Amino acid sequence: MYLAYLDESIDKECGLAMVGALLIQDDQFFVVEDYVGMVIENLVPINKLEKFEEFHAWELFGGHGVFEGIDEKERFEAIEALLAAVQSFEMPFVYSAVDTRAVVRQNSKCV
């Protein structure tokens, strides 16, 4: 059995919706959770840990939110570590992109 972490993003201006899911085998969940926990502890300053809820790639990449003030090199090393976990634990990533404007046009023809 797999557990899934899902995320979505919609850009109404360009009419694009994207959904992605990272699949983790249930028997690997706690090992992966421990690994990610170590990445968090090594990256996020102790005074910001209680504000940390989840990784947002744009915040980690750009140094925003709890990652503000953390050196770019450290943030990018964390990104590499997280991506290495995806590879080492052989976690499939499934995604889809939808042209929302085309969906609206198609649905309006069906009415």
PDB file of N, CA and C in Angstrom:
ATOM      1  N   MET A   1       0.843  -1.166   0.000  1.00  0.00           N
ATOM      2  CA  MET A   1       0.000   0.000   0.000  1.00  0.00           C
ATOM      3  C   MET A   1       0.897   1.240   0.000  1.00  0.00           C
ATOM      4  N   TYR A   2       0.396   2.296  -0.627  1.00  0.00           N
ATOM      5  CA  TYR A   2       1.122   3.556  -0.690  1.00  0.00           C
ATOM      6  C   TYR A   2       0.351   4.651   0.036  1.00  0.00           C
ATOM      7  N   LEU A   3       1.099   5.591   0.590  1.00  0.00           N
ATOM      8  CA  LEU A   3       0.537   6.823   1.118  1.00  0.00           C
ATOM      9  C   LEU A   3       0.915   7.917   0.130  1.00  0.00           C
ATOM     10  N   ALA A   4       0.085   8.923  -0.011  1.00  0.00           N
ATOM     11  CA  ALA A   4       0.352   9.965  -0.998  1.00  0.00           C
ATOM     12  C   ALA A   4       0.374  11.338  -0.350  1.00  0.00           C
ATOM     13  N   TYR A   5       1.373  12.118  -0.736  1.00  0.00           N
ATOM     14  CA  TYR A   5       1.408  13.545  -0.406  1.00  0.00           C
ATOM     15  C   TYR A   5       1.002  14.276  -1.671  1.00  0.00           C
ATOM     16  N   LEU A   6      -0.079  15.009  -1.592  1.00  0.00           N
ATOM     17  CA  LEU A   6      -0.617  15.705  -2.763  1.00  0.00           C
ATOM     18  C   LEU A   6      -0.453  17.208  -2.622  1.00  0.00           C
ATOM     19  N   ASP A   7      -0.292  17.869  -3.750  1.00  0.00           N
ATOM     20  CA  ASP A   7      -0.287  19.324  -3.767  1.00  0.00           C
ATOM     21  C   ASP A   7      -0.813  19.775  -5.122  1.00  0.00           C
ATOM     22  N   GLU A   8      -1.400  20.955  -5.117  1.00  0.00           N
ATOM     23  CA  GLU A   8      -1.919  21.494  -6.362  1.00  0.00           C
ATOM     24  C   GLU A   8      -1.571  22.964  -6.458  1.00  0.00           C
ATOM     25  N   SER A   9      -1.571  23.443  -7.684  1.00  0.00           N
ATOM     26  CA  SER A   9      -1.316  24.850  -7.937  1.00  0.00           C
ATOM     27  C   SER A   9      -2.165  25.262  -9.135  1.00  0.00           C
ATOM     28  N   ILE A  10      -2.826  26.406  -9.009  1.00  0.00           N
ATOM     29  CA  ILE A  10      -3.665  26.901 -10.102  1.00  0.00           C
ATOM     30  C   ILE A  10      -3.245  28.325 -10.411  1.00  0.00           C
ATOM     31  N   ASP A  11      -2.961  28.562 -11.675  1.00  0.00           N
ATOM     32  CA  ASP A  11      -2.645  29.909 -12.144  1.00  0.00           C
ATOM     33  C   ASP A  11      -3.785  30.340 -13.058  1.00  0.00           C
ATOM     34  N   LYS A  12      -4.707  31.113 -12.513  1.00  0.00           N
ATOM     35  CA  LYS A  12      -5.894  31.518 -13.273  1.00  0.00           C
ATOM     36  C   LYS A  12      -5.530  32.415 -14.443  1.00  0.00           C
ATOM     37  N   GLU A  13      -4.446  33.174 -14.294  1.00  0.00           N
ATOM     38  CA  GLU A  13      -4.047  34.100 -15.353  1.00  0.00           C
ATOM     39  C   GLU A  13      -3.657  33.362 -16.633  1.00  0.00           C
ATOM     40  N   CYS A  14      -2.921  32.286 -16.511  1.00  0.00           N
ATOM     41  CA  CYS A  14      -2.512  31.548 -17.713  1.00  0.00           C
ATOM     42  C   CYS A  14      -3.390  30.327 -17.958  1.00  0.00           C
ATOM     43  N   GLY A  15      -4.310  30.042 -17.036  1.00  0.00           N
ATOM     44  CA  GLY A  15      -5.245  28.942 -17.241  1.00  0.00           C
ATOM     45  C   GLY A  15      -4.631  27.567 -17.068  1.00  0.00           C
ATOM     46  N   LEU A  16      -3.747  27.428 -16.096  1.00  0.00           N
ATOM     47  CA  LEU A  16      -3.074  26.157 -15.894  1.00  0.00           C
ATOM     48  C   LEU A  16      -3.296  25.668 -14.467  1.00  0.00           C
ATOM     49  N   ALA A  17      -3.687  24.414 -14.344  1.00  0.00           N
ATOM     50  CA  ALA A  17      -3.811  23.770 -13.037  1.00  0.00           C
ATOM     51  C   ALA A  17      -2.881  22.566 -13.032  1.00  0.00           C
ATOM     52  N   MET A  18      -2.100  22.441 -11.964  1.00  0.00           N
ATOM     53  CA  MET A  18      -1.178  21.317 -11.855  1.00  0.00           C
ATOM     54  C   MET A  18      -1.419  20.609 -10.540  1.00  0.00           C
ATOM     55  N   VAL A  19      -1.346  19.288 -10.590  1.00  0.00           N
ATOM     56  CA  VAL A  19      -1.499  18.460  -9.398  1.00  0.00           C
ATOM     57  C   VAL A  19      -0.346  17.466  -9.400  1.00  0.00           C
ATOM     58  N   GLY A  20       0.266  17.283  -8.233  1.00  0.00           N
ATOM     59  CA  GLY A  20       1.346  16.324  -8.119  1.00  0.00           C
ATOM     60  C   GLY A  20       1.159  15.483  -6.873  1.00  0.00           C
ATOM     61  N   ALA A  21       1.637  14.258  -6.925  1.00  0.00           N
ATOM     62  CA  ALA A  21       1.550  13.358  -5.769  1.00  0.00           C
ATOM     63  C   ALA A  21       2.848  12.570  -5.651  1.00  0.00           C
ATOM     64  N   LEU A  22       3.400  12.582  -4.453  1.00  0.00           N
ATOM     65  CA  LEU A  22       4.566  11.775  -4.136  1.00  0.00           C
ATOM     66  C   LEU A  22       4.060  10.557  -3.380  1.00  0.00           C
ATOM     67  N   LEU A  23       4.365   9.368  -3.877  1.00  0.00           N
ATOM     68  CA  LEU A  23       3.859   8.131  -3.286  1.00  0.00           C
ATOM     69  C   LEU A  23       4.943   7.476  -2.437  1.00  0.00           C
ATOM     70  N   ILE A  24       4.561   7.126  -1.207  1.00  0.00           N
ATOM     71  CA  ILE A  24       5.503   6.502  -0.274  1.00  0.00           C
ATOM     72  C   ILE A  24       4.932   5.162   0.166  1.00  0.00           C
ATOM     73  N   GLN A  25       5.735   4.107   0.044  1.00  0.00           N
ATOM     74  CA  GLN A  25       5.275   2.803   0.515  1.00  0.00           C
ATOM     75  C   GLN A  25       5.031   2.892   2.016  1.00  0.00           C
ATOM     76  N   ASP A  26       3.913   2.344   2.451  1.00  0.00           N
ATOM     77  CA  ASP A  26       3.529   2.484   3.862  1.00  0.00           C
ATOM     78  C   ASP A  26       4.579   1.936   4.817  1.00  0.00           C
ATOM     79  N   ASP A  27       5.301   0.891   4.426  1.00  0.00           N
ATOM     80  CA  ASP A  27       6.302   0.330   5.332  1.00  0.00           C
ATOM     81  C   ASP A  27       7.581   1.176   5.402  1.00  0.00           C
ATOM     82  N   GLN A  28       7.703   2.184   4.541  1.00  0.00           N
ATOM     83  CA  GLN A  28       8.856   3.079   4.564  1.00  0.00           C
ATOM     84  C   GLN A  28       8.522   4.441   5.172  1.00  0.00           C
ATOM     85  N   PHE A  29       7.260   4.645   5.504  1.00  0.00           N
ATOM     86  CA  PHE A  29       6.804   5.963   5.928  1.00  0.00           C
ATOM     87  C   PHE A  29       7.608   6.523   7.105  1.00  0.00           C
ATOM     88  N   PHE A  30       7.776   5.756   8.172  1.00  0.00           N
ATOM     89  CA  PHE A  30       8.433   6.271   9.371  1.00  0.00           C
ATOM     90  C   PHE A  30       9.919   6.547   9.134  1.00  0.00           C
ATOM     91  N   VAL A  31      10.551   5.742   8.291  1.00  0.00           N
ATOM     92  CA  VAL A  31      11.963   5.976   7.962  1.00  0.00           C
ATOM     93  C   VAL A  31      12.094   7.282   7.175  1.00  0.00           C
ATOM     94  N   VAL A  32      11.208   7.473   6.207  1.00  0.00           N
ATOM     95  CA  VAL A  32      11.218   8.710   5.417  1.00  0.00           C
ATOM     96  C   VAL A  32      10.914   9.907   6.320  1.00  0.00           C
ATOM     97  N   GLU A  33       9.943   9.760   7.204  1.00  0.00           N
ATOM     98  CA  GLU A  33       9.584  10.842   8.130  1.00  0.00           C
ATOM     99  C   GLU A  33      10.780  11.223   9.008  1.00  0.00           C
ATOM    100  N   ASP A  34      11.510  10.231   9.506  1.00  0.00           N
ATOM    101  CA  ASP A  34      12.705  10.508  10.311  1.00  0.00           C
ATOM    102  C   ASP A  34      13.759  11.247   9.492  1.00  0.00           C
ATOM    103  N   TYR A  35      13.952  10.814   8.257  1.00  0.00           N
ATOM    104  CA  TYR A  35      14.946  11.442   7.374  1.00  0.00           C
ATOM    105  C   TYR A  35      14.595  12.910   7.138  1.00  0.00           C
ATOM    106  N   VAL A  36      13.336  13.162   6.795  1.00  0.00           N
ATOM    107  CA  VAL A  36      12.889  14.536   6.544  1.00  0.00           C
ATOM    108  C   VAL A  36      12.996  15.362   7.828  1.00  0.00           C
ATOM    109  N   GLY A  37      12.690  14.756   8.958  1.00  0.00           N
ATOM    110  CA  GLY A  37      12.833  15.436  10.239  1.00  0.00           C
ATOM    111  C   GLY A  37      14.265  15.891  10.494  1.00  0.00           C
ATOM    112  N   MET A  38      15.228  15.055  10.115  1.00  0.00           N
ATOM    113  CA  MET A  38      16.632  15.430  10.272  1.00  0.00           C
ATOM    114  C   MET A  38      16.989  16.609   9.372  1.00  0.00           C
ATOM    115  N   VAL A  39      16.453  16.614   8.156  1.00  0.00           N
ATOM    116  CA  VAL A  39      16.697  17.738   7.242  1.00  0.00           C
ATOM    117  C   VAL A  39      16.150  19.025   7.863  1.00  0.00           C
ATOM    118  N   ILE A  40      14.951  18.946   8.422  1.00  0.00           N
ATOM    119  CA  ILE A  40      14.329  20.118   9.053  1.00  0.00           C
ATOM    120  C   ILE A  40      15.180  20.607  10.226  1.00  0.00           C
ATOM    121  N   GLU A  41      15.560  19.697  11.105  1.00  0.00           N
ATOM    122  CA  GLU A  41      16.338  20.069  12.285  1.00  0.00           C
ATOM    123  C   GLU A  41      17.686  20.673  11.931  1.00  0.00           C
ATOM    124  N   ASN A  42      18.297  20.192  10.849  1.00  0.00           N
ATOM    125  CA  ASN A  42      19.595  20.716  10.424  1.00  0.00           C
ATOM    126  C   ASN A  42      19.481  22.050   9.699  1.00  0.00           C
ATOM    127  N   LEU A  43      18.292  22.400   9.242  1.00  0.00           N
ATOM    128  CA  LEU A  43      18.127  23.599   8.423  1.00  0.00           C
ATOM    129  C   LEU A  43      17.432  24.743   9.153  1.00  0.00           C
ATOM    130  N   VAL A  44      16.338  24.448   9.807  1.00  0.00           N
ATOM    131  CA  VAL A  44      15.506  25.497  10.400  1.00  0.00           C
ATOM    132  C   VAL A  44      16.053  25.865  11.782  1.00  0.00           C
ATOM    133  N   PRO A  45      16.311  27.163  12.010  1.00  0.00           N
ATOM    134  CA  PRO A  45      16.793  27.580  13.336  1.00  0.00           C
ATOM    135  C   PRO A  45      15.784  27.224  14.424  1.00  0.00           C
ATOM    136  N   ILE A  46      16.290  26.914  15.590  1.00  0.00           N
ATOM    137  CA  ILE A  46      15.446  26.451  16.698  1.00  0.00           C
ATOM    138  C   ILE A  46      14.347  27.455  17.039  1.00  0.00           C
ATOM    139  N   ASN A  47      14.633  28.755  16.895  1.00  0.00           N
ATOM    140  CA  ASN A  47      13.628  29.765  17.228  1.00  0.00           C
ATOM    141  C   ASN A  47      12.514  29.854  16.180  1.00  0.00           C
ATOM    142  N   LYS A  48      12.668  29.153  15.044  1.00  0.00           N
ATOM    143  CA  LYS A  48      11.635  29.161  14.003  1.00  0.00           C
ATOM    144  C   LYS A  48      10.945  27.803  13.856  1.00  0.00           C
ATOM    145  N   LEU A  49      11.418  26.804  14.592  1.00  0.00           N
ATOM    146  CA  LEU A  49      10.889  25.443  14.430  1.00  0.00           C
ATOM    147  C   LEU A  49       9.386  25.358  14.686  1.00  0.00           C
ATOM    148  N   GLU A  50       8.880  26.089  15.675  1.00  0.00           N
ATOM    149  CA  GLU A  50       7.447  25.995  15.973  1.00  0.00           C
ATOM    150  C   GLU A  50       6.595  26.614  14.861  1.00  0.00           C
ATOM    151  N   LYS A  51       7.183  27.459  14.015  1.00  0.00           N
ATOM    152  CA  LYS A  51       6.448  28.053  12.899  1.00  0.00           C
ATOM    153  C   LYS A  51       6.437  27.132  11.668  1.00  0.00           C
ATOM    154  N   PHE A  52       7.367  26.171  11.646  1.00  0.00           N
ATOM    155  CA  PHE A  52       7.456  25.266  10.497  1.00  0.00           C
ATOM    156  C   PHE A  52       6.272  24.303  10.491  1.00  0.00           C
ATOM    157  N   GLU A  53       5.577  24.235   9.357  1.00  0.00           N
ATOM    158  CA  GLU A  53       4.463  23.293   9.207  1.00  0.00           C
ATOM    159  C   GLU A  53       4.752  22.252   8.132  1.00  0.00           C
ATOM    160  N   GLU A  54       5.224  22.717   6.984  1.00  0.00           N
ATOM    161  CA  GLU A  54       5.518  21.821   5.874  1.00  0.00           C
ATOM    162  C   GLU A  54       6.445  22.523   4.902  1.00  0.00           C
ATOM    163  N   PHE A  55       7.098  21.726   4.071  1.00  0.00           N
ATOM    164  CA  PHE A  55       7.971  22.304   3.055  1.00  0.00           C
ATOM    165  C   PHE A  55       7.125  22.867   1.926  1.00  0.00           C
ATOM    166  N   HIS A  56       7.411  24.107   1.583  1.00  0.00           N
ATOM    167  CA  HIS A  56       6.892  24.698   0.351  1.00  0.00           C
ATOM    168  C   HIS A  56       8.124  24.987  -0.498  1.00  0.00           C
ATOM    169  N   ALA A  57       8.199  24.361  -1.656  1.00  0.00           N
ATOM    170  CA  ALA A  57       9.405  24.463  -2.482  1.00  0.00           C
ATOM    171  C   ALA A  57       9.762  25.914  -2.788  1.00  0.00           C
ATOM    172  N   TRP A  58       8.776  26.739  -3.060  1.00  0.00           N
ATOM    173  CA  TRP A  58       9.071  28.133  -3.423  1.00  0.00           C
ATOM    174  C   TRP A  58       9.669  28.886  -2.234  1.00  0.00           C
ATOM    175  N   GLU A  59       9.241  28.540  -1.008  1.00  0.00           N
ATOM    176  CA  GLU A  59       9.809  29.185   0.180  1.00  0.00           C
ATOM    177  C   GLU A  59      11.239  28.705   0.424  1.00  0.00           C
ATOM    178  N   LEU A  60      11.453  27.409   0.303  1.00  0.00           N
ATOM    179  CA  LEU A  60      12.772  26.842   0.515  1.00  0.00           C
ATOM    180  C   LEU A  60      13.747  27.355  -0.541  1.00  0.00           C
ATOM    181  N   PHE A  61      13.333  27.365  -1.789  1.00  0.00           N
ATOM    182  CA  PHE A  61      14.193  27.817  -2.883  1.00  0.00           C
ATOM    183  C   PHE A  61      14.527  29.302  -2.748  1.00  0.00           C
ATOM    184  N   GLY A  62      13.520  30.112  -2.446  1.00  0.00           N
ATOM    185  CA  GLY A  62      13.708  31.561  -2.423  1.00  0.00           C
ATOM    186  C   GLY A  62      14.098  32.156  -1.087  1.00  0.00           C
ATOM    187  N   GLY A  63      14.110  31.352  -0.034  1.00  0.00           N
ATOM    188  CA  GLY A  63      14.467  31.871   1.287  1.00  0.00           C
ATOM    189  C   GLY A  63      13.363  32.698   1.912  1.00  0.00           C
ATOM    190  N   HIS A  64      12.126  32.226   1.784  1.00  0.00           N
ATOM    191  CA  HIS A  64      10.970  32.933   2.339  1.00  0.00           C
ATOM    192  C   HIS A  64      10.408  32.163   3.533  1.00  0.00           C
ATOM    193  N   GLY A  65       9.507  32.805   4.282  1.00  0.00           N
ATOM    194  CA  GLY A  65       8.868  32.152   5.423  1.00  0.00           C
ATOM    195  C   GLY A  65       9.897  31.759   6.465  1.00  0.00           C
ATOM    196  N   VAL A  66       9.795  30.534   6.983  1.00  0.00           N
ATOM    197  CA  VAL A  66      10.740  30.084   8.014  1.00  0.00           C
ATOM    198  C   VAL A  66      12.164  29.960   7.478  1.00  0.00           C
ATOM    199  N   PHE A  67      12.317  29.966   6.161  1.00  0.00           N
ATOM    200  CA  PHE A  67      13.644  29.834   5.558  1.00  0.00           C
ATOM    201  C   PHE A  67      14.313  31.182   5.303  1.00  0.00           C
ATOM    202  N   GLU A  68      13.620  32.271   5.657  1.00  0.00           N
ATOM    203  CA  GLU A  68      14.196  33.600   5.494  1.00  0.00           C
ATOM    204  C   GLU A  68      15.434  33.733   6.379  1.00  0.00           C
ATOM    205  N   GLY A  69      16.508  34.248   5.789  1.00  0.00           N
ATOM    206  CA  GLY A  69      17.747  34.434   6.534  1.00  0.00           C
ATOM    207  C   GLY A  69      18.670  33.227   6.513  1.00  0.00           C
ATOM    208  N   ILE A  70      18.212  32.109   5.964  1.00  0.00           N
ATOM    209  CA  ILE A  70      19.062  30.920   5.861  1.00  0.00           C
ATOM    210  C   ILE A  70      19.830  31.010   4.542  1.00  0.00           C
ATOM    211  N   ASP A  71      21.126  30.796   4.620  1.00  0.00           N
ATOM    212  CA  ASP A  71      21.998  30.904   3.459  1.00  0.00           C
ATOM    213  C   ASP A  71      21.512  30.024   2.302  1.00  0.00           C
ATOM    214  N   GLU A  72      21.622  30.565   1.094  1.00  0.00           N
ATOM    215  CA  GLU A  72      21.179  29.843  -0.102  1.00  0.00           C
ATOM    216  C   GLU A  72      21.848  28.475  -0.229  1.00  0.00           C
ATOM    217  N   LYS A  73      23.128  28.406   0.061  1.00  0.00           N
ATOM    218  CA  LYS A  73      23.849  27.129  -0.040  1.00  0.00           C
ATOM    219  C   LYS A  73      23.210  26.068   0.858  1.00  0.00           C
ATOM    220  N   GLU A  74      22.863  26.450   2.079  1.00  0.00           N
ATOM    221  CA  GLU A  74      22.223  25.515   3.015  1.00  0.00           C
ATOM    222  C   GLU A  74      20.844  25.095   2.512  1.00  0.00           C
ATOM    223  N   ARG A  75      20.080  26.050   1.992  1.00  0.00           N
ATOM    224  CA  ARG A  75      18.740  25.730   1.480  1.00  0.00           C
ATOM    225  C   ARG A  75      18.830  24.781   0.298  1.00  0.00           C
ATOM    226  N   PHE A  76      19.772  25.025  -0.596  1.00  0.00           N
ATOM    227  CA  PHE A  76      19.911  24.175  -1.777  1.00  0.00           C
ATOM    228  C   PHE A  76      20.420  22.783  -1.404  1.00  0.00           C
ATOM    229  N   GLU A  77      21.258  22.694  -0.376  1.00  0.00           N
ATOM    230  CA  GLU A  77      21.688  21.382   0.105  1.00  0.00           C
ATOM    231  C   GLU A  77      20.504  20.607   0.675  1.00  0.00           C
ATOM    232  N   ALA A  78      19.584  21.320   1.327  1.00  0.00           N
ATOM    233  CA  ALA A  78      18.373  20.669   1.852  1.00  0.00           C
ATOM    234  C   ALA A  78      17.510  20.165   0.704  1.00  0.00           C
ATOM    235  N   ILE A  79      17.392  20.965  -0.354  1.00  0.00           N
ATOM    236  CA  ILE A  79      16.627  20.534  -1.534  1.00  0.00           C
ATOM    237  C   ILE A  79      17.253  19.267  -2.106  1.00  0.00           C
ATOM    238  N   GLU A  80      18.578  19.260  -2.245  1.00  0.00           N
ATOM    239  CA  GLU A  80      19.267  18.077  -2.763  1.00  0.00           C
ATOM    240  C   GLU A  80      19.034  16.861  -1.872  1.00  0.00           C
ATOM    241  N   ALA A  81      19.059  17.061  -0.553  1.00  0.00           N
ATOM    242  CA  ALA A  81      18.840  15.954   0.381  1.00  0.00           C
ATOM    243  C   ALA A  81      17.421  15.405   0.245  1.00  0.00           C
ATOM    244  N   LEU A  82      16.439  16.289   0.116  1.00  0.00           N
ATOM    245  CA  LEU A  82      15.052  15.837  -0.032  1.00  0.00           C
ATOM    246  C   LEU A  82      14.855  15.087  -1.345  1.00  0.00           C
ATOM    247  N   LEU A  83      15.458  15.590  -2.420  1.00  0.00           N
ATOM    248  CA  LEU A  83      15.352  14.895  -3.708  1.00  0.00           C
ATOM    249  C   LEU A  83      16.099  13.562  -3.685  1.00  0.00           C
ATOM    250  N   ALA A  84      17.195  13.501  -2.950  1.00  0.00           N
ATOM    251  CA  ALA A  84      17.930  12.237  -2.809  1.00  0.00           C
ATOM    252  C   ALA A  84      17.071  11.192  -2.113  1.00  0.00           C
ATOM    253  N   ALA A  85      16.250  11.631  -1.151  1.00  0.00           N
ATOM    254  CA  ALA A  85      15.354  10.700  -0.455  1.00  0.00           C
ATOM    255  C   ALA A  85      14.336  10.123  -1.429  1.00  0.00           C
ATOM    256  N   VAL A  86      13.827  10.953  -2.311  1.00  0.00           N
ATOM    257  CA  VAL A  86      12.860  10.474  -3.318  1.00  0.00           C
ATOM    258  C   VAL A  86      13.502   9.367  -4.147  1.00  0.00           C
ATOM    259  N   GLN A  87      14.746   9.601  -4.545  1.00  0.00           N
ATOM    260  CA  GLN A  87      15.452   8.600  -5.352  1.00  0.00           C
ATOM    261  C   GLN A  87      15.792   7.353  -4.530  1.00  0.00           C
ATOM    262  N   SER A  88      16.384   7.536  -3.333  1.00  0.00           N
ATOM    263  CA  SER A  88      16.817   6.357  -2.565  1.00  0.00           C
ATOM    264  C   SER A  88      15.678   5.484  -2.107  1.00  0.00           C
ATOM    265  N   PHE A  89      14.546   6.076  -1.791  1.00  0.00           N
ATOM    266  CA  PHE A  89      13.391   5.288  -1.360  1.00  0.00           C
ATOM    267  C   PHE A  89      12.484   4.916  -2.539  1.00  0.00           C
ATOM    268  N   GLU A  90      12.949   5.227  -3.751  1.00  0.00           N
ATOM    269  CA  GLU A  90      12.232   4.885  -4.987  1.00  0.00           C
ATOM    270  C   GLU A  90      10.759   5.297  -4.919  1.00  0.00           C
ATOM    271  N   MET A  91      10.538   6.564  -4.542  1.00  0.00           N
ATOM    272  CA  MET A  91       9.169   7.084  -4.430  1.00  0.00           C
ATOM    273  C   MET A  91       8.695   7.582  -5.791  1.00  0.00           C
ATOM    274  N   PRO A  92       7.639   6.994  -6.308  1.00  0.00           N
ATOM    275  CA  PRO A  92       7.098   7.504  -7.577  1.00  0.00           C
ATOM    276  C   PRO A  92       6.485   8.892  -7.378  1.00  0.00           C
ATOM    277  N   PHE A  93       6.613   9.720  -8.393  1.00  0.00           N
ATOM    278  CA  PHE A  93       5.965  11.027  -8.404  1.00  0.00           C
ATOM    279  C   PHE A  93       5.040  11.066  -9.605  1.00  0.00           C
ATOM    280  N   VAL A  94       3.780  11.354  -9.356  1.00  0.00           N
ATOM    281  CA  VAL A  94       2.767  11.384 -10.412  1.00  0.00           C
ATOM    282  C   VAL A  94       2.250  12.805 -10.497  1.00  0.00           C
ATOM    283  N   TYR A  95       2.113  13.309 -11.716  1.00  0.00           N
ATOM    284  CA  TYR A  95       1.625  14.676 -11.850  1.00  0.00           C
ATOM    285  C   TYR A  95       0.746  14.814 -13.085  1.00  0.00           C
ATOM    286  N   SER A  96       0.013  15.907 -13.099  1.00  0.00           N
ATOM    287  CA  SER A  96      -0.839  16.209 -14.238  1.00  0.00           C
ATOM    288  C   SER A  96      -0.958  17.720 -14.362  1.00  0.00           C
ATOM    289  N   ALA A  97      -1.054  18.175 -15.575  1.00  0.00           N
ATOM    290  CA  ALA A  97      -1.306  19.593 -15.843  1.00  0.00           C
ATOM    291  C   ALA A  97      -2.557  19.682 -16.719  1.00  0.00           C
ATOM    292  N   VAL A  98      -3.423  20.620 -16.380  1.00  0.00           N
ATOM    293  CA  VAL A  98      -4.692  20.756 -17.096  1.00  0.00           C
ATOM    294  C   VAL A  98      -4.847  22.197 -17.561  1.00  0.00           C
ATOM    295  N   ASP A  99      -5.232  22.356 -18.805  1.00  0.00           N
ATOM    296  CA  ASP A  99      -5.566  23.672 -19.347  1.00  0.00           C
ATOM    297  C   ASP A  99      -6.995  23.981 -18.916  1.00  0.00           C
ATOM    298  N   THR A 100      -7.139  24.751 -17.857  1.00  0.00           N
ATOM    299  CA  THR A 100      -8.471  25.001 -17.291  1.00  0.00           C
ATOM    300  C   THR A 100      -9.365  25.780 -18.243  1.00  0.00           C
ATOM    301  N   ARG A 101      -8.787  26.616 -19.068  1.00  0.00           N
ATOM    302  CA  ARG A 101      -9.591  27.369 -20.048  1.00  0.00           C
ATOM    303  C   ARG A 101     -10.209  26.421 -21.071  1.00  0.00           C
ATOM    304  N   ALA A 102      -9.466  25.403 -21.485  1.00  0.00           N
ATOM    305  CA  ALA A 102      -9.997  24.425 -22.430  1.00  0.00           C
ATOM    306  C   ALA A 102     -11.124  23.626 -21.792  1.00  0.00           C
ATOM    307  N   VAL A 103     -10.987  23.308 -20.507  1.00  0.00           N
ATOM    308  CA  VAL A 103     -12.037  22.570 -19.805  1.00  0.00           C
ATOM    309  C   VAL A 103     -13.311  23.407 -19.750  1.00  0.00           C
ATOM    310  N   VAL A 104     -13.171  24.688 -19.443  1.00  0.00           N
ATOM    311  CA  VAL A 104     -14.340  25.575 -19.387  1.00  0.00           C
ATOM    312  C   VAL A 104     -14.991  25.668 -20.763  1.00  0.00           C
ATOM    313  N   ARG A 105     -14.175  25.825 -21.812  1.00  0.00           N
ATOM    314  CA  ARG A 105     -14.735  25.887 -23.181  1.00  0.00           C
ATOM    315  C   ARG A 105     -15.466  24.595 -23.528  1.00  0.00           C
ATOM    316  N   GLN A 106     -14.878  23.458 -23.220  1.00  0.00           N
ATOM    317  CA  GLN A 106     -15.484  22.166 -23.531  1.00  0.00           C
ATOM    318  C   GLN A 106     -16.790  21.991 -22.765  1.00  0.00           C
ATOM    319  N   ASN A 107     -16.805  22.352 -21.478  1.00  0.00           N
ATOM    320  CA  ASN A 107     -18.001  22.208 -20.664  1.00  0.00           C
ATOM    321  C   ASN A 107     -19.120  23.137 -21.145  1.00  0.00           C
ATOM    322  N   SER A 108     -18.780  24.317 -21.627  1.00  0.00           N
ATOM    323  CA  SER A 108     -19.807  25.240 -22.102  1.00  0.00           C
ATOM    324  C   SER A 108     -20.454  24.731 -23.388  1.00  0.00           C
ATOM    325  N   LYS A 109     -19.747  23.919 -24.170  1.00  0.00           N
ATOM    326  CA  LYS A 109     -20.311  23.332 -25.386  1.00  0.00           C
ATOM    327  C   LYS A 109     -21.291  22.204 -25.058  1.00  0.00           C
ATOM    328  N   CYS A 110     -21.095  21.570 -23.889  1.00  0.00           N
ATOM    329  CA  CYS A 110     -21.903  20.412 -23.514  1.00  0.00           C
ATOM    330  C   CYS A 110     -23.241  20.816 -22.888  1.00  0.00           C
ATOM    331  N   VAL A 111     -23.390  22.056 -22.533  1.00  0.00           N
ATOM    332  CA  VAL A 111     -24.606  22.483 -21.830  1.00  0.00           C
ATOM    333  C   VAL A 111     -25.724  22.729 -22.796  1.00  0.00           C
TER     334      VAL A 111
END
